[in-house]
Amino acid sequence: MVKYFVIIGVCLLTPVWPKDKTISMEELKLHNTSTSCWILIEKSVYDVTEYITVHDSLRYDIRKWCGTDSTMAYSKKDQSGKSHSKKADLLLRKYKIGLYQFD
């Protein structure tokens, strides 16, 4: 009975994600302002519009990356050579809206 409970517990903790929307570069480029800011990092697209003001408080404006492939900027903190923290990676998940549609 304990084994059965553990299996059910694990199943309940496994998230069920909806199928990811695919987003083209053309669509990504349309969201290039502070009122609609999407960025591409690796293979995923994120809507970071509501996070812009929070990030500004960290003394770095990410608005210039709106509507672009921001993979390099994110991985090297825009040429600082430092990686983002694990906490930043976890926070980014909150803003994921889809997968990039490679041409």
N, C-alpha and C. Protein backbone atom coordinates (compact mmCIF):
# COMPACT_ATOMS: atom_id res chain seq x y z
N MET A 1 0.82 -1.20 0.00
CA MET A 1 0.00 0.00 0.00
C MET A 1 0.86 1.26 0.00
N VAL A 2 1.94 1.26 0.70
CA VAL A 2 2.82 2.42 0.72
C VAL A 2 3.38 2.68 -0.68
N LYS A 3 3.80 1.63 -1.40
CA LYS A 3 4.32 1.79 -2.75
C LYS A 3 3.27 2.43 -3.64
N TYR A 4 2.04 2.01 -3.53
CA TYR A 4 0.95 2.55 -4.34
C TYR A 4 0.76 4.04 -4.04
N PHE A 5 0.82 4.41 -2.77
CA PHE A 5 0.69 5.80 -2.37
C PHE A 5 1.81 6.66 -2.94
N VAL A 6 3.03 6.16 -2.90
CA VAL A 6 4.17 6.90 -3.43
C VAL A 6 4.02 7.13 -4.93
N ILE A 7 3.58 6.12 -5.65
CA ILE A 7 3.39 6.25 -7.09
C ILE A 7 2.33 7.31 -7.40
N ILE A 8 1.24 7.29 -6.67
CA ILE A 8 0.19 8.29 -6.87
C ILE A 8 0.73 9.67 -6.52
N GLY A 9 1.48 9.77 -5.42
CA GLY A 9 2.04 11.05 -5.01
C GLY A 9 2.96 11.63 -6.07
N VAL A 10 3.78 10.82 -6.66
CA VAL A 10 4.68 11.28 -7.72
C VAL A 10 3.88 11.74 -8.93
N CYS A 11 2.85 11.00 -9.29
CA CYS A 11 2.04 11.37 -10.44
C CYS A 11 1.34 12.70 -10.21
N LEU A 12 0.88 12.94 -9.01
CA LEU A 12 0.19 14.19 -8.72
C LEU A 12 1.13 15.38 -8.73
N LEU A 13 2.42 15.15 -8.44
CA LEU A 13 3.38 16.24 -8.41
C LEU A 13 3.95 16.55 -9.79
N THR A 14 3.73 15.68 -10.74
CA THR A 14 4.25 15.90 -12.08
C THR A 14 3.35 16.90 -12.79
N PRO A 15 3.92 18.04 -13.22
CA PRO A 15 3.08 19.04 -13.87
C PRO A 15 2.59 18.56 -15.23
N VAL A 16 1.42 19.01 -15.57
CA VAL A 16 0.86 18.71 -16.88
C VAL A 16 0.89 20.01 -17.66
N TRP A 17 1.79 20.10 -18.64
CA TRP A 17 1.95 21.31 -19.42
C TRP A 17 1.12 21.25 -20.68
N PRO A 18 0.50 22.35 -21.03
CA PRO A 18 -0.22 22.39 -22.31
C PRO A 18 0.81 22.33 -23.44
N LYS A 19 0.38 21.92 -24.60
CA LYS A 19 1.27 21.89 -25.74
C LYS A 19 1.78 23.30 -26.00
N ASP A 20 3.10 23.41 -26.18
CA ASP A 20 3.70 24.71 -26.39
C ASP A 20 3.31 25.31 -27.73
N LYS A 21 3.00 26.58 -27.72
CA LYS A 21 2.72 27.34 -28.93
C LYS A 21 4.04 27.54 -29.65
N THR A 22 4.04 27.49 -30.97
CA THR A 22 5.25 27.81 -31.72
C THR A 22 5.17 29.25 -32.20
N ILE A 23 6.29 29.94 -32.08
CA ILE A 23 6.35 31.36 -32.39
C ILE A 23 7.45 31.61 -33.40
N SER A 24 7.12 32.28 -34.48
CA SER A 24 8.09 32.58 -35.54
C SER A 24 8.89 33.83 -35.18
N MET A 25 9.97 34.03 -35.91
CA MET A 25 10.78 35.24 -35.71
C MET A 25 9.97 36.48 -36.08
N GLU A 26 9.12 36.37 -37.10
CA GLU A 26 8.29 37.50 -37.49
C GLU A 26 7.36 37.92 -36.35
N GLU A 27 6.77 36.93 -35.69
CA GLU A 27 5.88 37.24 -34.57
C GLU A 27 6.67 37.80 -33.39
N LEU A 28 7.81 37.22 -33.11
CA LEU A 28 8.66 37.70 -32.02
C LEU A 28 9.03 39.16 -32.23
N LYS A 29 9.41 39.52 -33.45
CA LYS A 29 9.83 40.90 -33.75
C LYS A 29 8.73 41.92 -33.54
N LEU A 30 7.47 41.50 -33.58
CA LEU A 30 6.35 42.41 -33.36
C LEU A 30 6.26 42.87 -31.90
N HIS A 31 6.88 42.14 -31.02
CA HIS A 31 6.80 42.42 -29.57
C HIS A 31 8.12 43.03 -29.11
N ASN A 32 8.40 44.23 -29.61
CA ASN A 32 9.70 44.85 -29.40
C ASN A 32 9.64 46.15 -28.61
N THR A 33 8.63 46.30 -27.77
CA THR A 33 8.49 47.52 -26.97
C THR A 33 8.35 47.17 -25.49
N SER A 34 8.42 48.17 -24.66
CA SER A 34 8.28 47.94 -23.22
C SER A 34 6.84 47.60 -22.84
N THR A 35 5.88 47.84 -23.73
CA THR A 35 4.50 47.47 -23.44
C THR A 35 4.15 46.08 -23.96
N SER A 36 5.04 45.51 -24.74
CA SER A 36 4.90 44.13 -25.22
C SER A 36 6.28 43.62 -25.58
N CYS A 37 6.94 43.01 -24.60
CA CYS A 37 8.34 42.62 -24.74
C CYS A 37 8.49 41.11 -24.67
N TRP A 38 8.75 40.52 -25.84
CA TRP A 38 9.03 39.08 -25.92
C TRP A 38 10.50 38.92 -26.26
N ILE A 39 11.12 37.91 -25.66
CA ILE A 39 12.51 37.61 -25.98
C ILE A 39 12.67 36.12 -26.24
N LEU A 40 13.63 35.80 -27.08
CA LEU A 40 13.97 34.41 -27.38
C LEU A 40 15.25 34.07 -26.65
N ILE A 41 15.21 32.99 -25.89
CA ILE A 41 16.41 32.46 -25.23
C ILE A 41 16.43 30.97 -25.50
N GLU A 42 17.53 30.56 -26.15
CA GLU A 42 17.68 29.17 -26.60
C GLU A 42 16.53 28.83 -27.54
N LYS A 43 15.66 27.93 -27.16
CA LYS A 43 14.56 27.49 -28.03
C LYS A 43 13.21 27.99 -27.54
N SER A 44 13.19 28.79 -26.49
CA SER A 44 11.93 29.22 -25.89
C SER A 44 11.73 30.72 -26.01
N VAL A 45 10.46 31.11 -26.08
CA VAL A 45 10.09 32.53 -26.14
C VAL A 45 9.41 32.90 -24.83
N TYR A 46 9.78 34.07 -24.31
CA TYR A 46 9.28 34.54 -23.03
C TYR A 46 8.67 35.92 -23.18
N ASP A 47 7.55 36.15 -22.52
CA ASP A 47 6.94 37.47 -22.45
C ASP A 47 7.38 38.09 -21.14
N VAL A 48 8.37 38.96 -21.19
CA VAL A 48 8.93 39.55 -19.98
C VAL A 48 8.44 40.98 -19.73
N THR A 49 7.34 41.34 -20.38
CA THR A 49 6.80 42.69 -20.27
C THR A 49 6.62 43.12 -18.81
N GLU A 50 5.98 42.28 -18.02
CA GLU A 50 5.71 42.68 -16.63
C GLU A 50 6.96 42.65 -15.76
N TYR A 51 8.03 42.03 -16.25
CA TYR A 51 9.27 41.93 -15.47
C TYR A 51 10.22 43.10 -15.74
N ILE A 52 9.97 43.87 -16.78
CA ILE A 52 10.90 44.95 -17.15
C ILE A 52 11.17 45.89 -15.99
N THR A 53 10.15 46.37 -15.32
CA THR A 53 10.37 47.34 -14.23
C THR A 53 11.11 46.71 -13.05
N VAL A 54 10.87 45.44 -12.81
CA VAL A 54 11.61 44.74 -11.74
C VAL A 54 13.08 44.67 -12.11
N HIS A 55 13.36 44.31 -13.35
CA HIS A 55 14.75 44.19 -13.79
C HIS A 55 15.43 45.55 -13.80
N ASP A 56 14.69 46.60 -14.11
CA ASP A 56 15.27 47.96 -14.07
C ASP A 56 15.81 48.28 -12.68
N SER A 57 15.14 47.78 -11.65
CA SER A 57 15.61 48.04 -10.29
C SER A 57 16.95 47.36 -10.02
N LEU A 58 17.33 46.43 -10.90
CA LEU A 58 18.63 45.76 -10.78
C LEU A 58 19.71 46.54 -11.55
N ARG A 59 19.35 47.71 -12.01
CA ARG A 59 20.26 48.63 -12.71
C ARG A 59 20.69 48.15 -14.09
N TYR A 60 19.82 47.43 -14.76
CA TYR A 60 20.12 47.04 -16.13
C TYR A 60 18.83 47.01 -16.93
N ASP A 61 18.80 47.79 -17.97
CA ASP A 61 17.60 47.91 -18.80
C ASP A 61 17.61 46.82 -19.87
N ILE A 62 16.60 45.96 -19.85
CA ILE A 62 16.52 44.87 -20.84
C ILE A 62 15.65 45.23 -22.03
N ARG A 63 15.15 46.46 -22.08
CA ARG A 63 14.26 46.86 -23.17
C ARG A 63 14.91 46.69 -24.55
N LYS A 64 16.20 46.88 -24.65
CA LYS A 64 16.87 46.78 -25.95
C LYS A 64 16.81 45.37 -26.53
N TRP A 65 16.45 44.39 -25.71
CA TRP A 65 16.38 43.01 -26.18
C TRP A 65 14.97 42.60 -26.56
N CYS A 66 14.00 43.46 -26.37
CA CYS A 66 12.62 43.13 -26.73
C CYS A 66 12.51 42.81 -28.22
N GLY A 67 11.86 41.71 -28.54
CA GLY A 67 11.65 41.32 -29.93
C GLY A 67 12.84 40.70 -30.60
N THR A 68 13.82 40.25 -29.82
CA THR A 68 15.05 39.72 -30.41
C THR A 68 15.44 38.37 -29.82
N ASP A 69 16.43 37.76 -30.47
CA ASP A 69 17.07 36.56 -29.92
C ASP A 69 18.05 37.06 -28.87
N SER A 70 17.74 36.81 -27.63
CA SER A 70 18.52 37.31 -26.50
C SER A 70 19.38 36.23 -25.86
N THR A 71 19.58 35.15 -26.55
CA THR A 71 20.30 34.01 -25.99
C THR A 71 21.68 34.40 -25.48
N MET A 72 22.47 35.05 -26.32
CA MET A 72 23.83 35.42 -25.91
C MET A 72 23.82 36.44 -24.77
N ALA A 73 22.94 37.40 -24.87
CA ALA A 73 22.85 38.42 -23.82
C ALA A 73 22.50 37.79 -22.48
N TYR A 74 21.57 36.82 -22.50
CA TYR A 74 21.16 36.16 -21.26
C TYR A 74 22.28 35.27 -20.73
N SER A 75 22.92 34.52 -21.61
CA SER A 75 23.92 33.55 -21.15
C SER A 75 25.18 34.23 -20.62
N LYS A 76 25.45 35.44 -21.07
CA LYS A 76 26.65 36.16 -20.62
C LYS A 76 26.32 37.49 -19.96
N LYS A 77 25.11 37.64 -19.50
CA LYS A 77 24.66 38.89 -18.88
C LYS A 77 25.10 40.09 -19.70
N ASP A 78 24.78 40.04 -20.99
CA ASP A 78 25.09 41.13 -21.92
C ASP A 78 26.56 41.52 -21.86
N GLN A 79 27.41 40.59 -22.13
CA GLN A 79 28.86 40.75 -22.26
C GLN A 79 29.61 40.95 -20.94
N SER A 80 28.97 40.70 -19.83
CA SER A 80 29.70 40.79 -18.56
C SER A 80 30.54 39.53 -18.35
N GLY A 81 30.20 38.47 -19.09
CA GLY A 81 30.93 37.22 -18.95
C GLY A 81 30.39 36.34 -17.84
N LYS A 82 29.47 36.86 -17.07
CA LYS A 82 28.89 36.09 -15.97
C LYS A 82 27.59 35.44 -16.42
N SER A 83 27.29 34.29 -15.87
CA SER A 83 26.03 33.61 -16.17
C SER A 83 24.96 34.10 -15.21
N HIS A 84 23.71 33.99 -15.66
CA HIS A 84 22.60 34.25 -14.74
C HIS A 84 22.55 33.14 -13.69
N SER A 85 21.98 33.44 -12.57
CA SER A 85 21.89 32.49 -11.47
C SER A 85 20.82 31.42 -11.74
N LYS A 86 20.86 30.37 -10.96
CA LYS A 86 19.81 29.34 -11.03
C LYS A 86 18.47 29.96 -10.68
N LYS A 87 18.47 30.90 -9.76
CA LYS A 87 17.24 31.59 -9.38
C LYS A 87 16.65 32.33 -10.58
N ALA A 88 17.50 32.98 -11.37
CA ALA A 88 17.04 33.68 -12.57
C ALA A 88 16.47 32.69 -13.58
N ASP A 89 17.13 31.54 -13.73
CA ASP A 89 16.63 30.52 -14.65
C ASP A 89 15.25 30.03 -14.23
N LEU A 90 15.05 29.84 -12.94
CA LEU A 90 13.75 29.39 -12.43
C LEU A 90 12.69 30.48 -12.63
N LEU A 91 13.06 31.72 -12.39
CA LEU A 91 12.13 32.83 -12.55
C LEU A 91 11.71 32.97 -14.01
N LEU A 92 12.63 32.75 -14.92
CA LEU A 92 12.35 32.88 -16.34
C LEU A 92 11.24 31.93 -16.79
N ARG A 93 11.18 30.77 -16.20
CA ARG A 93 10.14 29.79 -16.55
C ARG A 93 8.73 30.37 -16.44
N LYS A 94 8.55 31.26 -15.48
CA LYS A 94 7.23 31.88 -15.24
C LYS A 94 6.75 32.64 -16.48
N TYR A 95 7.67 33.13 -17.29
CA TYR A 95 7.33 33.99 -18.41
C TYR A 95 7.31 33.27 -19.76
N LYS A 96 7.54 31.97 -19.76
CA LYS A 96 7.58 31.22 -21.01
C LYS A 96 6.18 31.18 -21.66
N ILE A 97 6.15 31.51 -22.96
CA ILE A 97 4.87 31.51 -23.66
C ILE A 97 4.87 30.57 -24.87
N GLY A 98 6.03 30.04 -25.22
CA GLY A 98 6.06 29.13 -26.36
C GLY A 98 7.46 28.75 -26.78
N LEU A 99 7.51 27.99 -27.87
CA LEU A 99 8.78 27.55 -28.45
C LEU A 99 9.02 28.28 -29.75
N TYR A 100 10.28 28.55 -30.01
CA TYR A 100 10.65 29.21 -31.25
C TYR A 100 10.50 28.25 -32.42
N GLN A 101 9.90 28.74 -33.47
CA GLN A 101 9.70 27.94 -34.69
C GLN A 101 10.90 28.21 -35.61
N PHE A 102 11.82 27.26 -35.67
CA PHE A 102 12.99 27.42 -36.54
C PHE A 102 12.58 27.34 -38.00
N ASP A 103 13.17 28.19 -38.80
CA ASP A 103 12.86 28.24 -40.22
C ASP A 103 13.59 27.16 -40.99
